[in-house]
Amino acid sequence: MANNEIHKLGEFLIENQIINKEQLLEALTLQKDNPERLIGHILVTMGIVTKEQLIMAFEMYLVTTGLSATHADEWLDQDEIDTIMNKLK
């Protein structure tokens, strides 16, 4: 999500009080050492959010930003993305 006009998921999670800024900064620090890992995966692995919380946040993110699942910077498998997209239709 290199485009500055696109609302980043981490910022969205903070604004919606799902995580705090310190948690995001810690996850971003870990991501620097593992750039192939997505921030959502790191947050789940750290125990900051559950996978279910992440999925719900992802649904909210898609609804409020109007982005498609292909633009989302998150860790979900294709079945979960399909389920979310079907629920939003």
N, C-alpha and C. Protein backbone atom coordinates (compact mmCIF):
# COMPACT_ATOMS: atom_id res chain seq x y z
N MET A 1 0.83 -1.17 0.00
CA MET A 1 0.00 0.00 0.00
C MET A 1 0.88 1.24 0.00
N ALA A 2 1.60 1.41 -1.05
CA ALA A 2 2.54 2.51 -1.13
C ALA A 2 1.85 3.85 -1.36
N ASN A 3 0.69 3.86 -1.92
CA ASN A 3 -0.03 5.09 -2.22
C ASN A 3 -0.43 5.78 -0.93
N ASN A 4 0.00 7.03 -0.75
CA ASN A 4 -0.31 7.77 0.48
C ASN A 4 -1.79 8.06 0.63
N GLU A 5 -2.55 8.02 -0.45
CA GLU A 5 -3.98 8.29 -0.38
C GLU A 5 -4.73 7.11 0.23
N ILE A 6 -4.13 5.96 0.22
CA ILE A 6 -4.78 4.77 0.77
C ILE A 6 -4.52 4.74 2.27
N HIS A 7 -5.59 4.60 3.01
CA HIS A 7 -5.50 4.57 4.46
C HIS A 7 -4.83 3.26 4.88
N LYS A 8 -3.74 3.34 5.60
CA LYS A 8 -3.02 2.14 6.02
C LYS A 8 -3.77 1.41 7.12
N LEU A 9 -3.70 0.12 7.07
CA LEU A 9 -4.41 -0.71 8.04
C LEU A 9 -3.97 -0.42 9.47
N GLY A 10 -2.68 -0.25 9.70
CA GLY A 10 -2.19 0.03 11.06
C GLY A 10 -2.81 1.29 11.63
N GLU A 11 -2.88 2.33 10.82
CA GLU A 11 -3.50 3.58 11.26
C GLU A 11 -4.99 3.36 11.56
N PHE A 12 -5.64 2.59 10.72
CA PHE A 12 -7.05 2.28 10.91
C PHE A 12 -7.26 1.55 12.24
N LEU A 13 -6.39 0.59 12.54
CA LEU A 13 -6.51 -0.18 13.79
C LEU A 13 -6.34 0.72 15.01
N ILE A 14 -5.43 1.67 14.93
CA ILE A 14 -5.23 2.61 16.04
C ILE A 14 -6.45 3.52 16.18
N GLU A 15 -6.90 4.10 15.08
CA GLU A 15 -8.03 5.02 15.11
C GLU A 15 -9.30 4.38 15.66
N ASN A 16 -9.43 3.06 15.45
CA ASN A 16 -10.61 2.35 15.92
C ASN A 16 -10.36 1.62 17.24
N GLN A 17 -9.27 1.98 17.90
CA GLN A 17 -8.91 1.48 19.23
C GLN A 17 -8.84 -0.05 19.30
N ILE A 18 -8.38 -0.65 18.21
CA ILE A 18 -8.18 -2.10 18.18
C ILE A 18 -6.79 -2.43 18.71
N ILE A 19 -5.83 -1.56 18.38
CA ILE A 19 -4.47 -1.65 18.94
C ILE A 19 -4.07 -0.23 19.32
N ASN A 20 -2.95 -0.11 20.04
CA ASN A 20 -2.45 1.23 20.34
C ASN A 20 -1.19 1.49 19.51
N LYS A 21 -0.73 2.73 19.56
CA LYS A 21 0.41 3.13 18.74
C LYS A 21 1.67 2.36 19.10
N GLU A 22 1.87 2.11 20.39
CA GLU A 22 3.06 1.37 20.82
C GLU A 22 3.06 -0.05 20.25
N GLN A 23 1.89 -0.68 20.23
CA GLN A 23 1.79 -2.04 19.68
C GLN A 23 2.10 -2.03 18.20
N LEU A 24 1.59 -1.04 17.48
CA LEU A 24 1.88 -0.95 16.05
C LEU A 24 3.37 -0.72 15.82
N LEU A 25 3.97 0.17 16.59
CA LEU A 25 5.40 0.45 16.43
C LEU A 25 6.24 -0.80 16.70
N GLU A 26 5.84 -1.58 17.72
CA GLU A 26 6.56 -2.82 18.01
C GLU A 26 6.43 -3.81 16.85
N ALA A 27 5.23 -3.91 16.30
CA ALA A 27 5.02 -4.82 15.16
C ALA A 27 5.79 -4.34 13.94
N LEU A 28 5.82 -3.04 13.70
CA LEU A 28 6.57 -2.50 12.57
C LEU A 28 8.07 -2.72 12.73
N THR A 29 8.56 -2.65 13.96
CA THR A 29 9.97 -2.94 14.22
C THR A 29 10.28 -4.39 13.87
N LEU A 30 9.40 -5.30 14.27
CA LEU A 30 9.60 -6.71 13.91
C LEU A 30 9.51 -6.91 12.41
N GLN A 31 8.65 -6.15 11.76
CA GLN A 31 8.49 -6.30 10.31
C GLN A 31 9.76 -5.87 9.57
N LYS A 32 10.50 -4.92 10.12
CA LYS A 32 11.75 -4.49 9.48
C LYS A 32 12.72 -5.65 9.34
N ASP A 33 12.73 -6.54 10.34
CA ASP A 33 13.61 -7.71 10.29
C ASP A 33 13.05 -8.83 9.42
N ASN A 34 11.74 -8.77 9.17
CA ASN A 34 11.05 -9.80 8.38
C ASN A 34 10.10 -9.11 7.39
N PRO A 35 10.63 -8.42 6.39
CA PRO A 35 9.78 -7.60 5.51
C PRO A 35 8.74 -8.39 4.72
N GLU A 36 8.93 -9.70 4.60
CA GLU A 36 7.95 -10.50 3.87
C GLU A 36 6.69 -10.76 4.69
N ARG A 37 6.76 -10.54 5.99
CA ARG A 37 5.60 -10.76 6.87
C ARG A 37 4.71 -9.53 6.88
N LEU A 38 3.44 -9.75 6.77
CA LEU A 38 2.47 -8.66 6.80
C LEU A 38 2.17 -8.27 8.23
N ILE A 39 1.79 -7.02 8.42
CA ILE A 39 1.60 -6.48 9.76
C ILE A 39 0.52 -7.24 10.54
N GLY A 40 -0.54 -7.64 9.88
CA GLY A 40 -1.61 -8.38 10.56
C GLY A 40 -1.11 -9.71 11.10
N HIS A 41 -0.30 -10.39 10.33
CA HIS A 41 0.28 -11.66 10.76
C HIS A 41 1.14 -11.45 12.00
N ILE A 42 1.92 -10.39 12.00
CA ILE A 42 2.77 -10.10 13.14
C ILE A 42 1.94 -9.79 14.38
N LEU A 43 0.90 -8.98 14.22
CA LEU A 43 0.04 -8.64 15.37
C LEU A 43 -0.61 -9.88 15.97
N VAL A 44 -1.03 -10.82 15.12
CA VAL A 44 -1.63 -12.07 15.62
C VAL A 44 -0.56 -12.90 16.32
N THR A 45 0.58 -13.04 15.70
CA THR A 45 1.67 -13.84 16.28
C THR A 45 2.10 -13.28 17.63
N MET A 46 2.09 -11.95 17.76
CA MET A 46 2.47 -11.32 19.03
C MET A 46 1.39 -11.47 20.09
N GLY A 47 0.20 -11.88 19.68
CA GLY A 47 -0.90 -12.03 20.64
C GLY A 47 -1.63 -10.73 20.93
N ILE A 48 -1.39 -9.72 20.13
CA ILE A 48 -2.04 -8.42 20.34
C ILE A 48 -3.49 -8.49 19.91
N VAL A 49 -3.76 -9.17 18.82
CA VAL A 49 -5.13 -9.41 18.36
C VAL A 49 -5.25 -10.89 18.02
N THR A 50 -6.47 -11.38 18.06
CA THR A 50 -6.72 -12.74 17.60
C THR A 50 -6.98 -12.69 16.10
N LYS A 51 -6.92 -13.84 15.47
CA LYS A 51 -7.22 -13.89 14.05
C LYS A 51 -8.65 -13.43 13.80
N GLU A 52 -9.56 -13.78 14.70
CA GLU A 52 -10.96 -13.38 14.55
C GLU A 52 -11.11 -11.86 14.65
N GLN A 53 -10.39 -11.24 15.59
CA GLN A 53 -10.42 -9.78 15.71
C GLN A 53 -9.86 -9.12 14.45
N LEU A 54 -8.81 -9.72 13.92
CA LEU A 54 -8.20 -9.19 12.71
C LEU A 54 -9.17 -9.27 11.54
N ILE A 55 -9.87 -10.38 11.43
CA ILE A 55 -10.85 -10.54 10.34
C ILE A 55 -11.96 -9.50 10.48
N MET A 56 -12.47 -9.30 11.69
CA MET A 56 -13.52 -8.30 11.90
C MET A 56 -13.00 -6.90 11.57
N ALA A 57 -11.78 -6.60 11.98
CA ALA A 57 -11.19 -5.29 11.69
C ALA A 57 -11.00 -5.13 10.19
N PHE A 58 -10.59 -6.20 9.53
CA PHE A 58 -10.39 -6.18 8.09
C PHE A 58 -11.72 -5.90 7.38
N GLU A 59 -12.79 -6.51 7.85
CA GLU A 59 -14.12 -6.24 7.28
C GLU A 59 -14.45 -4.76 7.42
N MET A 60 -14.24 -4.20 8.61
CA MET A 60 -14.52 -2.78 8.84
C MET A 60 -13.65 -1.92 7.93
N TYR A 61 -12.40 -2.29 7.79
CA TYR A 61 -11.45 -1.56 6.96
C TYR A 61 -11.93 -1.53 5.51
N LEU A 62 -12.35 -2.68 4.99
CA LEU A 62 -12.82 -2.73 3.61
C LEU A 62 -14.07 -1.88 3.42
N VAL A 63 -14.98 -1.95 4.37
CA VAL A 63 -16.23 -1.18 4.26
C VAL A 63 -15.94 0.32 4.30
N THR A 64 -15.11 0.75 5.24
CA THR A 64 -14.89 2.19 5.42
C THR A 64 -13.95 2.79 4.37
N THR A 65 -13.05 2.00 3.81
CA THR A 65 -12.12 2.53 2.82
C THR A 65 -12.59 2.28 1.40
N GLY A 66 -13.49 1.33 1.22
CA GLY A 66 -13.95 1.01 -0.12
C GLY A 66 -12.93 0.27 -0.96
N LEU A 67 -11.90 -0.25 -0.33
CA LEU A 67 -10.87 -1.00 -1.06
C LEU A 67 -11.31 -2.42 -1.32
N SER A 68 -10.76 -3.02 -2.33
CA SER A 68 -11.01 -4.43 -2.57
C SER A 68 -10.00 -5.25 -1.78
N ALA A 69 -10.28 -6.52 -1.62
CA ALA A 69 -9.39 -7.39 -0.84
C ALA A 69 -8.00 -7.48 -1.44
N THR A 70 -7.87 -7.26 -2.74
CA THR A 70 -6.55 -7.36 -3.36
C THR A 70 -5.64 -6.21 -2.95
N HIS A 71 -6.20 -5.11 -2.43
CA HIS A 71 -5.39 -3.98 -2.00
C HIS A 71 -5.11 -4.00 -0.50
N ALA A 72 -5.70 -4.91 0.21
CA ALA A 72 -5.56 -4.90 1.66
C ALA A 72 -4.21 -5.47 2.06
N ASP A 73 -3.62 -4.84 3.05
CA ASP A 73 -2.31 -5.26 3.52
C ASP A 73 -2.52 -6.14 4.75
N GLU A 74 -3.06 -7.30 4.55
CA GLU A 74 -3.33 -8.15 5.70
C GLU A 74 -3.08 -9.61 5.44
N TRP A 75 -3.08 -10.35 6.51
CA TRP A 75 -2.77 -11.77 6.52
C TRP A 75 -4.06 -12.56 6.67
N LEU A 76 -4.61 -12.95 5.55
CA LEU A 76 -5.80 -13.79 5.52
C LEU A 76 -5.62 -14.76 4.36
N ASP A 77 -6.19 -15.95 4.50
CA ASP A 77 -6.11 -16.85 3.36
C ASP A 77 -7.27 -16.54 2.41
N GLN A 78 -7.20 -17.10 1.22
CA GLN A 78 -8.18 -16.75 0.18
C GLN A 78 -9.61 -17.09 0.59
N ASP A 79 -9.81 -18.20 1.30
CA ASP A 79 -11.17 -18.56 1.75
C ASP A 79 -11.73 -17.49 2.68
N GLU A 80 -10.91 -16.97 3.57
CA GLU A 80 -11.37 -15.93 4.49
C GLU A 80 -11.68 -14.64 3.74
N ILE A 81 -10.85 -14.30 2.78
CA ILE A 81 -11.11 -13.10 1.97
C ILE A 81 -12.41 -13.27 1.20
N ASP A 82 -12.60 -14.45 0.59
CA ASP A 82 -13.84 -14.71 -0.15
C ASP A 82 -15.06 -14.61 0.75
N THR A 83 -14.96 -15.14 1.95
CA THR A 83 -16.07 -15.08 2.91
C THR A 83 -16.39 -13.64 3.24
N ILE A 84 -15.38 -12.85 3.52
CA ILE A 84 -15.58 -11.44 3.85
C ILE A 84 -16.20 -10.71 2.68
N MET A 85 -15.68 -10.91 1.49
CA MET A 85 -16.19 -10.23 0.32
C MET A 85 -17.65 -10.62 0.05
N ASN A 86 -17.99 -11.88 0.26
CA ASN A 86 -19.38 -12.32 0.07
C ASN A 86 -20.30 -11.68 1.08
N LYS A 87 -19.84 -11.51 2.32
CA LYS A 87 -20.65 -10.87 3.36
C LYS A 87 -20.89 -9.41 3.04
N LEU A 88 -19.95 -8.78 2.33
CA LEU A 88 -20.07 -7.36 2.03
C LEU A 88 -20.95 -7.08 0.81
N LYS A 89 -21.26 -8.11 0.04
CA LYS A 89 -22.08 -7.92 -1.18
C LYS A 89 -23.53 -7.74 -0.83
